[in-house]
């Protein structure tokens, strides 16, 4: 019983963190810059960083996987 509860909790916490982070970024953006959010806000910067990390990861996999290279280069672009 305790093992199942621990397993469920270990599955729930990452999902809760994934839901919490965007809400916290929006809150920080509004709290720091008021309601007048522009392109230099925390949300926009974090989206750009996440996009750059995704492109770099896909490009890295494309260099290693010759059989999937065409699709991965297309996805990275």
PDB file of N, CA and C in Angstrom:
ATOM      1  N   UNK A   1       0.820  -1.197   0.000  1.00  0.00           N
ATOM      2  CA  UNK A   1       0.000   0.000   0.000  1.00  0.00           C
ATOM      3  C   UNK A   1       0.865   1.263   0.000  1.00  0.00           C
ATOM      4  N   UNK A   2       1.880   1.299   0.859  1.00  0.00           N
ATOM      5  CA  UNK A   2       2.745   2.475   0.933  1.00  0.00           C
ATOM      6  C   UNK A   2       3.580   2.617  -0.331  1.00  0.00           C
ATOM      7  N   UNK A   3       3.952   1.486  -0.934  1.00  0.00           N
ATOM      8  CA  UNK A   3       4.726   1.527  -2.171  1.00  0.00           C
ATOM      9  C   UNK A   3       3.924   2.114  -3.316  1.00  0.00           C
ATOM     10  N   UNK A   4       2.635   1.765  -3.382  1.00  0.00           N
ATOM     11  CA  UNK A   4       1.775   2.318  -4.428  1.00  0.00           C
ATOM     12  C   UNK A   4       1.576   3.813  -4.244  1.00  0.00           C
ATOM     13  N   UNK A   5       1.415   4.226  -2.991  1.00  0.00           N
ATOM     14  CA  UNK A   5       1.239   5.652  -2.702  1.00  0.00           C
ATOM     15  C   UNK A   5       2.495   6.436  -3.061  1.00  0.00           C
ATOM     16  N   UNK A   6       3.644   5.882  -2.744  1.00  0.00           N
ATOM     17  CA  UNK A   6       4.902   6.540  -3.089  1.00  0.00           C
ATOM     18  C   UNK A   6       5.085   6.610  -4.599  1.00  0.00           C
ATOM     19  N   UNK A   7       4.725   5.556  -5.310  1.00  0.00           N
ATOM     20  CA  UNK A   7       4.827   5.543  -6.767  1.00  0.00           C
ATOM     21  C   UNK A   7       3.894   6.582  -7.389  1.00  0.00           C
ATOM     22  N   UNK A   8       2.674   6.701  -6.854  1.00  0.00           N
ATOM     23  CA  UNK A   8       1.737   7.710  -7.357  1.00  0.00           C
ATOM     24  C   UNK A   8       2.251   9.118  -7.074  1.00  0.00           C
ATOM     25  N   UNK A   9       2.833   9.314  -5.902  1.00  0.00           N
ATOM     26  CA  UNK A   9       3.367  10.630  -5.541  1.00  0.00           C
ATOM     27  C   UNK A   9       4.547  10.992  -6.433  1.00  0.00           C
ATOM     28  N   UNK A  10       5.400  10.032  -6.750  1.00  0.00           N
ATOM     29  CA  UNK A  10       6.539  10.296  -7.634  1.00  0.00           C
ATOM     30  C   UNK A  10       6.090  10.597  -9.055  1.00  0.00           C
ATOM     31  N   UNK A  11       4.944  10.098  -9.456  1.00  0.00           N
ATOM     32  CA  UNK A  11       4.391  10.431 -10.758  1.00  0.00           C
ATOM     33  C   UNK A  11       3.668  11.767 -10.755  1.00  0.00           C
ATOM     34  N   UNK A  12       3.091  12.139  -9.618  1.00  0.00           N
ATOM     35  CA  UNK A  12       2.319  13.368  -9.524  1.00  0.00           C
ATOM     36  C   UNK A  12       3.205  14.607  -9.413  1.00  0.00           C
ATOM     37  N   UNK A  13       4.285  14.524  -8.675  1.00  0.00           N
ATOM     38  CA  UNK A  13       5.117  15.705  -8.429  1.00  0.00           C
ATOM     39  C   UNK A  13       5.724  16.302  -9.693  1.00  0.00           C
ATOM     40  N   UNK A  14       6.283  15.521 -10.621  1.00  0.00           N
ATOM     41  CA  UNK A  14       6.773  16.146 -11.860  1.00  0.00           C
ATOM     42  C   UNK A  14       5.654  16.788 -12.674  1.00  0.00           C
ATOM     43  N   UNK A  15       4.483  16.152 -12.699  1.00  0.00           N
ATOM     44  CA  UNK A  15       3.355  16.733 -13.429  1.00  0.00           C
ATOM     45  C   UNK A  15       2.905  18.037 -12.771  1.00  0.00           C
ATOM     46  N   UNK A  16       2.900  18.068 -11.456  1.00  0.00           N
ATOM     47  CA  UNK A  16       2.532  19.294 -10.746  1.00  0.00           C
ATOM     48  C   UNK A  16       3.552  20.398 -10.997  1.00  0.00           C
ATOM     49  N   UNK A  17       4.827  20.048 -11.072  1.00  0.00           N
ATOM     50  CA  UNK A  17       5.857  21.049 -11.351  1.00  0.00           C
ATOM     51  C   UNK A  17       5.709  21.611 -12.756  1.00  0.00           C
ATOM     52  N   UNK A  18       5.370  20.741 -13.720  1.00  0.00           N
ATOM     53  CA  UNK A  18       5.178  21.195 -15.099  1.00  0.00           C
ATOM     54  C   UNK A  18       4.008  22.174 -15.172  1.00  0.00           C
ATOM     55  N   UNK A  19       2.980  21.965 -14.377  1.00  0.00           N
ATOM     56  CA  UNK A  19       1.830  22.878 -14.358  1.00  0.00           C
ATOM     57  C   UNK A  19       2.131  24.144 -13.560  1.00  0.00           C
ATOM     58  N   UNK A  20       2.976  24.053 -12.542  1.00  0.00           N
ATOM     59  CA  UNK A  20       3.253  25.186 -11.667  1.00  0.00           C
ATOM     60  C   UNK A  20       4.187  26.205 -12.304  1.00  0.00           C
ATOM     61  N   UNK A  21       5.191  25.757 -13.034  1.00  0.00           N
ATOM     62  CA  UNK A  21       6.216  26.659 -13.561  1.00  0.00           C
ATOM     63  C   UNK A  21       5.635  27.726 -14.494  1.00  0.00           C
ATOM     64  N   UNK A  22       4.810  27.386 -15.496  1.00  0.00           N
ATOM     65  CA  UNK A  22       4.265  28.451 -16.344  1.00  0.00           C
ATOM     66  C   UNK A  22       3.396  29.448 -15.572  1.00  0.00           C
ATOM     67  N   UNK A  23       2.604  28.943 -14.629  1.00  0.00           N
ATOM     68  CA  UNK A  23       1.772  29.843 -13.833  1.00  0.00           C
ATOM     69  C   UNK A  23       2.636  30.770 -12.983  1.00  0.00           C
ATOM     70  N   UNK A  24       3.719  30.248 -12.431  1.00  0.00           N
ATOM     71  CA  UNK A  24       4.616  31.075 -11.632  1.00  0.00           C
ATOM     72  C   UNK A  24       5.316  32.123 -12.496  1.00  0.00           C
ATOM     73  N   UNK A  25       5.693  31.756 -13.722  1.00  0.00           N
ATOM     74  CA  UNK A  25       6.327  32.722 -14.618  1.00  0.00           C
ATOM     75  C   UNK A  25       5.372  33.846 -15.000  1.00  0.00           C
ATOM     76  N   UNK A  26       4.121  33.499 -15.267  1.00  0.00           N
ATOM     77  CA  UNK A  26       3.133  34.534 -15.580  1.00  0.00           C
ATOM     78  C   UNK A  26       2.921  35.438 -14.379  1.00  0.00           C
ATOM     79  N   UNK A  27       2.846  34.855 -13.183  1.00  0.00           N
ATOM     80  CA  UNK A  27       2.682  35.658 -11.977  1.00  0.00           C
ATOM     81  C   UNK A  27       3.865  36.600 -11.781  1.00  0.00           C
ATOM     82  N   UNK A  28       5.075  36.082 -11.956  1.00  0.00           N
ATOM     83  CA  UNK A  28       6.261  36.934 -11.815  1.00  0.00           C
ATOM     84  C   UNK A  28       6.287  38.037 -12.868  1.00  0.00           C
ATOM     85  N   UNK A  29       5.855  37.709 -14.068  1.00  0.00           N
ATOM     86  CA  UNK A  29       5.816  38.698 -15.140  1.00  0.00           C
ATOM     87  C   UNK A  29       4.852  39.828 -14.792  1.00  0.00           C
ATOM     88  N   UNK A  30       3.691  39.476 -14.278  1.00  0.00           N
ATOM     89  CA  UNK A  30       2.702  40.493 -13.916  1.00  0.00           C
ATOM     90  C   UNK A  30       3.152  41.265 -12.686  1.00  0.00           C
ATOM     91  N   UNK A  31       3.730  40.564 -11.707  1.00  0.00           N
ATOM     92  CA  UNK A  31       4.165  41.234 -10.485  1.00  0.00           C
ATOM     93  C   UNK A  31       5.354  42.162 -10.742  1.00  0.00           C
ATOM     94  N   UNK A  32       6.257  41.760 -11.632  1.00  0.00           N
ATOM     95  CA  UNK A  32       7.455  42.565 -11.878  1.00  0.00           C
ATOM     96  C   UNK A  32       7.184  43.719 -12.831  1.00  0.00           C
ATOM     97  N   UNK A  33       6.374  43.480 -13.865  1.00  0.00           N
ATOM     98  CA  UNK A  33       6.171  44.484 -14.902  1.00  0.00           C
ATOM     99  C   UNK A  33       4.766  45.062 -14.922  1.00  0.00           C
ATOM    100  N   UNK A  34       3.919  44.666 -13.995  1.00  0.00           N
ATOM    101  CA  UNK A  34       2.544  45.133 -14.012  1.00  0.00           C
ATOM    102  C   UNK A  34       1.786  44.454 -15.139  1.00  0.00           C
ATOM    103  N   UNK A  35       0.679  44.998 -15.517  1.00  0.00           N
ATOM    104  CA  UNK A  35      -0.115  44.397 -16.578  1.00  0.00           C
ATOM    105  C   UNK A  35       0.401  44.751 -17.961  1.00  0.00           C
ATOM    106  N   UNK A  36       1.361  45.650 -18.055  1.00  0.00           N
ATOM    107  CA  UNK A  36       1.912  46.069 -19.339  1.00  0.00           C
ATOM    108  C   UNK A  36       3.111  45.195 -19.677  1.00  0.00           C
ATOM    109  N   UNK A  37       2.845  43.964 -20.133  1.00  0.00           N
ATOM    110  CA  UNK A  37       3.910  43.021 -20.487  1.00  0.00           C
ATOM    111  C   UNK A  37       4.309  43.238 -21.934  1.00  0.00           C
ATOM    112  N   UNK A  38       5.597  43.362 -22.160  1.00  0.00           N
ATOM    113  CA  UNK A  38       6.089  43.539 -23.524  1.00  0.00           C
ATOM    114  C   UNK A  38       6.939  42.333 -23.914  1.00  0.00           C
ATOM    115  N   UNK A  39       7.703  42.469 -24.954  1.00  0.00           N
ATOM    116  CA  UNK A  39       8.512  41.365 -25.461  1.00  0.00           C
ATOM    117  C   UNK A  39       9.725  41.065 -24.586  1.00  0.00           C
ATOM    118  N   UNK A  40      10.004  41.882 -23.606  1.00  0.00           N
ATOM    119  CA  UNK A  40      11.140  41.635 -22.720  1.00  0.00           C
ATOM    120  C   UNK A  40      10.691  41.020 -21.402  1.00  0.00           C
ATOM    121  N   UNK A  41       9.502  40.423 -21.387  1.00  0.00           N
ATOM    122  CA  UNK A  41       8.981  39.829 -20.172  1.00  0.00           C
ATOM    123  C   UNK A  41       9.595  38.472 -19.882  1.00  0.00           C
ATOM    124  N   UNK A  42       9.359  38.007 -18.683  1.00  0.00           N
ATOM    125  CA  UNK A  42       9.915  36.733 -18.236  1.00  0.00           C
ATOM    126  C   UNK A  42       9.341  35.580 -19.054  1.00  0.00           C
ATOM    127  N   UNK A  43       8.055  35.639 -19.362  1.00  0.00           N
ATOM    128  CA  UNK A  43       7.418  34.559 -20.115  1.00  0.00           C
ATOM    129  C   UNK A  43       8.028  34.448 -21.511  1.00  0.00           C
ATOM    130  N   UNK A  44       8.189  35.568 -22.199  1.00  0.00           N
ATOM    131  CA  UNK A  44       8.737  35.539 -23.552  1.00  0.00           C
ATOM    132  C   UNK A  44      10.183  35.064 -23.561  1.00  0.00           C
ATOM    133  N   UNK A  45      10.959  35.496 -22.585  1.00  0.00           N
ATOM    134  CA  UNK A  45      12.362  35.073 -22.502  1.00  0.00           C
ATOM    135  C   UNK A  45      12.450  33.579 -22.220  1.00  0.00           C
ATOM    136  N   UNK A  46      11.620  33.074 -21.301  1.00  0.00           N
ATOM    137  CA  UNK A  46      11.653  31.642 -20.992  1.00  0.00           C
ATOM    138  C   UNK A  46      11.191  30.807 -22.183  1.00  0.00           C
ATOM    139  N   UNK A  47      10.233  31.309 -22.959  1.00  0.00           N
ATOM    140  CA  UNK A  47       9.805  30.590 -24.161  1.00  0.00           C
ATOM    141  C   UNK A  47      10.931  30.533 -25.188  1.00  0.00           C
ATOM    142  N   UNK A  48      11.663  31.618 -25.342  1.00  0.00           N
ATOM    143  CA  UNK A  48      12.779  31.631 -26.293  1.00  0.00           C
ATOM    144  C   UNK A  48      13.884  30.676 -25.860  1.00  0.00           C
ATOM    145  N   UNK A  49      14.169  30.628 -24.576  1.00  0.00           N
ATOM    146  CA  UNK A  49      15.196  29.719 -24.065  1.00  0.00           C
ATOM    147  C   UNK A  49      14.760  28.270 -24.247  1.00  0.00           C
ATOM    148  N   UNK A  50      13.493  27.966 -23.976  1.00  0.00           N
ATOM    149  CA  UNK A  50      12.992  26.605 -24.157  1.00  0.00           C
ATOM    150  C   UNK A  50      13.027  26.202 -25.627  1.00  0.00           C
ATOM    151  N   UNK A  51      12.684  27.121 -26.519  1.00  0.00           N
ATOM    152  CA  UNK A  51      12.729  26.826 -27.952  1.00  0.00           C
ATOM    153  C   UNK A  51      14.163  26.580 -28.410  1.00  0.00           C
ATOM    154  N   UNK A  52      15.096  27.393 -27.950  1.00  0.00           N
ATOM    155  CA  UNK A  52      16.502  27.203 -28.296  1.00  0.00           C
ATOM    156  C   UNK A  52      17.024  25.859 -27.788  1.00  0.00           C
ATOM    157  N   UNK A  53      16.647  25.483 -26.569  1.00  0.00           N
ATOM    158  CA  UNK A  53      17.076  24.193 -26.021  1.00  0.00           C
ATOM    159  C   UNK A  53      16.492  23.037 -26.820  1.00  0.00           C
ATOM    160  N   UNK A  54      15.243  23.158 -27.254  1.00  0.00           N
ATOM    161  CA  UNK A  54      14.616  22.107 -28.050  1.00  0.00           C
ATOM    162  C   UNK A  54      15.303  21.964 -29.394  1.00  0.00           C
ATOM    163  N   UNK A  55      15.583  23.073 -30.058  1.00  0.00           N
ATOM    164  CA  UNK A  55      16.260  23.025 -31.353  1.00  0.00           C
ATOM    165  C   UNK A  55      17.653  22.413 -31.213  1.00  0.00           C
ATOM    166  N   UNK A  56      18.378  22.804 -30.168  1.00  0.00           N
ATOM    167  CA  UNK A  56      19.721  22.258 -29.958  1.00  0.00           C
ATOM    168  C   UNK A  56      19.670  20.757 -29.692  1.00  0.00           C
ATOM    169  N   UNK A  57      18.692  20.302 -28.925  1.00  0.00           N
ATOM    170  CA  UNK A  57      18.572  18.880 -28.638  1.00  0.00           C
ATOM    171  C   UNK A  57      18.219  18.086 -29.885  1.00  0.00           C
ATOM    172  N   UNK A  58      17.270  18.580 -30.678  1.00  0.00           N
ATOM    173  CA  UNK A  58      16.883  17.876 -31.899  1.00  0.00           C
ATOM    174  C   UNK A  58      18.044  17.864 -32.891  1.00  0.00           C
ATOM    175  N   UNK A  59      18.772  18.959 -32.994  1.00  0.00           N
ATOM    176  CA  UNK A  59      19.917  19.023 -33.896  1.00  0.00           C
ATOM    177  C   UNK A  59      21.008  18.032 -33.465  1.00  0.00           C
ATOM    178  N   UNK A  60      21.205  17.921 -32.154  1.00  0.00           N
ATOM    179  CA  UNK A  60      22.208  16.986 -31.637  1.00  0.00           C
ATOM    180  C   UNK A  60      21.827  15.540 -31.960  1.00  0.00           C
ATOM    181  N   UNK A  61      20.547  15.224 -31.795  1.00  0.00           N
ATOM    182  CA  UNK A  61      20.089  13.870 -32.124  1.00  0.00           C
ATOM    183  C   UNK A  61      20.203  13.628 -33.624  1.00  0.00           C
ATOM    184  N   UNK A  62      19.932  14.655 -34.441  1.00  0.00           N
ATOM    185  CA  UNK A  62      20.023  14.505 -35.896  1.00  0.00           C
ATOM    186  C   UNK A  62      21.453  14.203 -36.329  1.00  0.00           C
ATOM    187  N   UNK A  63      22.416  14.748 -35.646  1.00  0.00           N
ATOM    188  CA  UNK A  63      23.815  14.468 -35.998  1.00  0.00           C
ATOM    189  C   UNK A  63      24.190  13.028 -35.687  1.00  0.00           C
ATOM    190  N   UNK A  64      23.559  12.439 -34.670  1.00  0.00           N
ATOM    191  CA  UNK A  64      23.899  11.080 -34.261  1.00  0.00           C
ATOM    192  C   UNK A  64      23.098  10.011 -34.996  1.00  0.00           C
ATOM    193  N   UNK A  65      21.845  10.295 -35.319  1.00  0.00           N
ATOM    194  CA  UNK A  65      20.966   9.295 -35.938  1.00  0.00           C
ATOM    195  C   UNK A  65      20.853   9.531 -37.433  1.00  0.00           C
ATOM    196  N   UNK A  66      21.647   8.807 -38.195  1.00  0.00           N
ATOM    197  CA  UNK A  66      21.669   8.988 -39.645  1.00  0.00           C
ATOM    198  C   UNK A  66      20.338   8.602 -40.290  1.00  0.00           C
ATOM    199  N   UNK A  67      19.668   7.593 -39.742  1.00  0.00           N
ATOM    200  CA  UNK A  67      18.424   7.125 -40.323  1.00  0.00           C
ATOM    201  C   UNK A  67      17.266   8.103 -40.128  1.00  0.00           C
ATOM    202  N   UNK A  68      17.334   8.952 -39.133  1.00  0.00           N
ATOM    203  CA  UNK A  68      16.267   9.924 -38.857  1.00  0.00           C
ATOM    204  C   UNK A  68      16.677  11.362 -39.182  1.00  0.00           C
ATOM    205  N   UNK A  69      17.828  11.532 -39.779  1.00  0.00           N
ATOM    206  CA  UNK A  69      18.403  12.860 -39.950  1.00  0.00           C
ATOM    207  C   UNK A  69      17.504  13.817 -40.719  1.00  0.00           C
ATOM    208  N   UNK A  70      16.909  13.389 -41.825  1.00  0.00           N
ATOM    209  CA  UNK A  70      16.083  14.279 -42.629  1.00  0.00           C
ATOM    210  C   UNK A  70      14.921  14.859 -41.855  1.00  0.00           C
ATOM    211  N   UNK A  71      14.193  14.023 -41.152  1.00  0.00           N
ATOM    212  CA  UNK A  71      13.049  14.501 -40.378  1.00  0.00           C
ATOM    213  C   UNK A  71      13.462  15.357 -39.197  1.00  0.00           C
ATOM    214  N   UNK A  72      14.554  14.982 -38.551  1.00  0.00           N
ATOM    215  CA  UNK A  72      14.998  15.755 -37.397  1.00  0.00           C
ATOM    216  C   UNK A  72      15.540  17.128 -37.785  1.00  0.00           C
ATOM    217  N   UNK A  73      16.243  17.208 -38.918  1.00  0.00           N
ATOM    218  CA  UNK A  73      16.707  18.511 -39.389  1.00  0.00           C
ATOM    219  C   UNK A  73      15.508  19.395 -39.740  1.00  0.00           C
ATOM    220  N   UNK A  74      14.502  18.794 -40.344  1.00  0.00           N
ATOM    221  CA  UNK A  74      13.280  19.528 -40.647  1.00  0.00           C
ATOM    222  C   UNK A  74      12.607  20.009 -39.369  1.00  0.00           C
ATOM    223  N   UNK A  75      12.548  19.156 -38.351  1.00  0.00           N
ATOM    224  CA  UNK A  75      11.947  19.543 -37.073  1.00  0.00           C
ATOM    225  C   UNK A  75      12.768  20.630 -36.382  1.00  0.00           C
ATOM    226  N   UNK A  76      14.091  20.560 -36.474  1.00  0.00           N
ATOM    227  CA  UNK A  76      14.935  21.575 -35.847  1.00  0.00           C
ATOM    228  C   UNK A  76      14.772  22.929 -36.529  1.00  0.00           C
ATOM    229  N   UNK A  77      14.531  22.882 -37.836  1.00  0.00           N
ATOM    230  CA  UNK A  77      14.355  24.136 -38.579  1.00  0.00           C
ATOM    231  C   UNK A  77      13.047  24.792 -38.230  1.00  0.00           C
TER     232      UNK A  77
END
